Amino acid sequence: MGLMTRFLPAPLLRHTLGTKLRHEGVDIVVIAELLGHSVEVARRYALPTEEERRAAIERLTTDE
């Protein structure tokens, strides 16, 4: 067992990986498979980033 895994619980590492993959644009189905979750469970990593929320609002306020 490595030094870091003695201090960090597996769920925290899994959540960190899932969140990082999501922020890098990895498809939620791929994330689910990598983490051994169903797509429904992996959706917890699908929360929008602050940048994505701002871009959504910007789309509403930009004349096309």
N, C-alpha and C. Protein backbone atom coordinates (compact mmCIF):
# COMPACT_ATOMS: atom_id res chain seq x y z
N MET A 1 0.85 -1.17 0.00
CA MET A 1 0.00 0.00 0.00
C MET A 1 0.89 1.24 0.00
N GLY A 2 0.62 2.17 -0.91
CA GLY A 2 1.43 3.38 -1.00
C GLY A 2 1.16 4.32 0.16
N LEU A 3 2.05 5.24 0.36
CA LEU A 3 1.95 6.20 1.46
C LEU A 3 0.65 6.99 1.40
N MET A 4 0.29 7.52 0.23
CA MET A 4 -0.90 8.36 0.12
C MET A 4 -2.18 7.56 0.32
N THR A 5 -2.26 6.33 -0.12
CA THR A 5 -3.49 5.57 0.02
C THR A 5 -3.78 5.19 1.46
N ARG A 6 -2.80 5.27 2.31
CA ARG A 6 -3.04 5.01 3.73
C ARG A 6 -3.81 6.15 4.37
N PHE A 7 -3.72 7.35 3.79
CA PHE A 7 -4.32 8.53 4.40
C PHE A 7 -5.54 9.03 3.66
N LEU A 8 -5.73 8.65 2.41
CA LEU A 8 -6.86 9.12 1.62
C LEU A 8 -7.82 7.96 1.36
N PRO A 9 -9.06 8.11 1.77
CA PRO A 9 -10.02 7.03 1.53
C PRO A 9 -10.32 6.86 0.05
N ALA A 10 -10.58 5.61 -0.35
CA ALA A 10 -10.85 5.30 -1.76
C ALA A 10 -11.99 6.14 -2.35
N PRO A 11 -13.10 6.36 -1.62
CA PRO A 11 -14.16 7.18 -2.21
C PRO A 11 -13.71 8.59 -2.55
N LEU A 12 -12.83 9.16 -1.75
CA LEU A 12 -12.32 10.50 -2.04
C LEU A 12 -11.47 10.49 -3.31
N LEU A 13 -10.64 9.49 -3.46
CA LEU A 13 -9.82 9.38 -4.66
C LEU A 13 -10.69 9.18 -5.90
N ARG A 14 -11.71 8.34 -5.78
CA ARG A 14 -12.63 8.09 -6.89
C ARG A 14 -13.38 9.36 -7.27
N HIS A 15 -13.85 10.10 -6.26
CA HIS A 15 -14.58 11.34 -6.52
C HIS A 15 -13.66 12.37 -7.19
N THR A 16 -12.45 12.47 -6.72
CA THR A 16 -11.49 13.41 -7.30
C THR A 16 -11.21 13.06 -8.76
N LEU A 17 -10.99 11.79 -9.04
CA LEU A 17 -10.75 11.35 -10.41
C LEU A 17 -11.96 11.64 -11.29
N GLY A 18 -13.16 11.28 -10.82
CA GLY A 18 -14.37 11.52 -11.60
C GLY A 18 -14.58 12.98 -11.90
N THR A 19 -14.37 13.82 -10.91
CA THR A 19 -14.54 15.26 -11.10
C THR A 19 -13.52 15.81 -12.08
N LYS A 20 -12.29 15.40 -11.95
CA LYS A 20 -11.22 15.86 -12.85
C LYS A 20 -11.51 15.43 -14.29
N LEU A 21 -11.91 14.18 -14.47
CA LEU A 21 -12.24 13.70 -15.82
C LEU A 21 -13.39 14.50 -16.41
N ARG A 22 -14.41 14.77 -15.61
CA ARG A 22 -15.56 15.54 -16.09
C ARG A 22 -15.13 16.93 -16.52
N HIS A 23 -14.30 17.59 -15.71
CA HIS A 23 -13.84 18.94 -16.04
C HIS A 23 -12.95 18.95 -17.27
N GLU A 24 -12.37 17.81 -17.60
CA GLU A 24 -11.56 17.69 -18.82
C GLU A 24 -12.40 17.31 -20.03
N GLY A 25 -13.71 17.18 -19.83
CA GLY A 25 -14.61 16.93 -20.94
C GLY A 25 -14.83 15.47 -21.30
N VAL A 26 -14.43 14.57 -20.42
CA VAL A 26 -14.61 13.15 -20.68
C VAL A 26 -16.10 12.81 -20.55
N ASP A 27 -16.61 12.01 -21.47
CA ASP A 27 -18.01 11.60 -21.48
C ASP A 27 -18.38 10.87 -20.20
N ILE A 28 -19.58 11.13 -19.69
CA ILE A 28 -20.03 10.55 -18.43
C ILE A 28 -20.09 9.03 -18.48
N VAL A 29 -20.37 8.46 -19.64
CA VAL A 29 -20.40 7.00 -19.78
C VAL A 29 -19.00 6.42 -19.57
N VAL A 30 -18.00 7.09 -20.10
CA VAL A 30 -16.61 6.65 -19.93
C VAL A 30 -16.20 6.78 -18.46
N ILE A 31 -16.58 7.88 -17.84
CA ILE A 31 -16.26 8.07 -16.42
C ILE A 31 -16.89 6.96 -15.60
N ALA A 32 -18.16 6.66 -15.87
CA ALA A 32 -18.85 5.59 -15.13
C ALA A 32 -18.12 4.27 -15.26
N GLU A 33 -17.70 3.95 -16.46
CA GLU A 33 -17.00 2.69 -16.68
C GLU A 33 -15.66 2.65 -15.96
N LEU A 34 -14.92 3.74 -16.04
CA LEU A 34 -13.61 3.78 -15.38
C LEU A 34 -13.73 3.65 -13.86
N LEU A 35 -14.79 4.21 -13.30
CA LEU A 35 -14.95 4.20 -11.85
C LEU A 35 -15.74 3.00 -11.35
N GLY A 36 -16.27 2.19 -12.27
CA GLY A 36 -17.04 1.04 -11.87
C GLY A 36 -18.42 1.41 -11.34
N HIS A 37 -18.95 2.54 -11.81
CA HIS A 37 -20.28 3.01 -11.40
C HIS A 37 -21.26 2.83 -12.54
N SER A 38 -22.54 2.89 -12.20
CA SER A 38 -23.56 3.03 -13.24
C SER A 38 -23.53 4.48 -13.70
N VAL A 39 -24.11 4.76 -14.85
CA VAL A 39 -24.16 6.14 -15.35
C VAL A 39 -24.94 7.01 -14.36
N GLU A 40 -26.00 6.47 -13.78
CA GLU A 40 -26.81 7.24 -12.82
C GLU A 40 -25.97 7.68 -11.62
N VAL A 41 -25.16 6.79 -11.10
CA VAL A 41 -24.31 7.14 -9.96
C VAL A 41 -23.21 8.11 -10.39
N ALA A 42 -22.66 7.91 -11.58
CA ALA A 42 -21.58 8.77 -12.06
C ALA A 42 -22.06 10.19 -12.36
N ARG A 43 -23.36 10.39 -12.49
CA ARG A 43 -23.88 11.73 -12.78
C ARG A 43 -23.51 12.75 -11.70
N ARG A 44 -23.15 12.28 -10.53
CA ARG A 44 -22.73 13.24 -9.48
C ARG A 44 -21.50 14.03 -9.91
N TYR A 45 -20.76 13.48 -10.88
CA TYR A 45 -19.59 14.20 -11.40
C TYR A 45 -19.95 15.12 -12.55
N ALA A 46 -21.21 15.11 -12.97
CA ALA A 46 -21.65 15.87 -14.13
C ALA A 46 -22.11 17.28 -13.77
N LEU A 47 -21.89 17.71 -12.56
CA LEU A 47 -22.29 19.06 -12.19
C LEU A 47 -21.52 20.07 -13.04
N PRO A 48 -22.18 21.13 -13.46
CA PRO A 48 -21.49 22.11 -14.30
C PRO A 48 -20.43 22.87 -13.51
N THR A 49 -19.39 23.24 -14.22
CA THR A 49 -18.35 24.07 -13.61
C THR A 49 -18.84 25.51 -13.58
N GLU A 50 -18.17 26.34 -12.81
CA GLU A 50 -18.50 27.77 -12.77
C GLU A 50 -18.42 28.37 -14.18
N GLU A 51 -17.40 28.00 -14.92
CA GLU A 51 -17.22 28.50 -16.30
C GLU A 51 -18.40 28.10 -17.18
N GLU A 52 -18.88 26.87 -17.05
CA GLU A 52 -20.02 26.40 -17.84
C GLU A 52 -21.29 27.15 -17.48
N ARG A 53 -21.48 27.44 -16.19
CA ARG A 53 -22.66 28.20 -15.76
C ARG A 53 -22.61 29.61 -16.32
N ARG A 54 -21.44 30.24 -16.26
CA ARG A 54 -21.30 31.60 -16.82
C ARG A 54 -21.56 31.62 -18.32
N ALA A 55 -21.03 30.62 -19.02
CA ALA A 55 -21.23 30.56 -20.47
C ALA A 55 -22.71 30.39 -20.81
N ALA A 56 -23.44 29.64 -20.01
CA ALA A 56 -24.87 29.45 -20.25
C ALA A 56 -25.61 30.77 -20.11
N ILE A 57 -25.29 31.54 -19.07
CA ILE A 57 -25.94 32.83 -18.86
C ILE A 57 -25.54 33.80 -19.97
N GLU A 58 -24.28 33.75 -20.36
CA GLU A 58 -23.78 34.63 -21.43
C GLU A 58 -24.56 34.38 -22.72
N ARG A 59 -24.89 33.14 -23.01
CA ARG A 59 -25.66 32.83 -24.22
C ARG A 59 -27.00 33.52 -24.21
N LEU A 60 -27.58 33.67 -23.03
CA LEU A 60 -28.89 34.33 -22.91
C LEU A 60 -28.79 35.83 -23.12
N THR A 61 -27.64 36.40 -22.78
CA THR A 61 -27.49 37.86 -22.82
C THR A 61 -26.81 38.34 -24.08
N THR A 62 -26.39 37.44 -24.95
CA THR A 62 -25.70 37.82 -26.18
C THR A 62 -26.68 37.86 -27.33
N ASP A 63 -26.71 38.99 -28.04
CA ASP A 63 -27.55 39.09 -29.24
C ASP A 63 -26.93 38.29 -30.36
N GLU A 64 -27.77 37.58 -31.05
CA GLU A 64 -27.25 36.79 -32.18
C GLU A 64 -27.70 37.36 -33.48
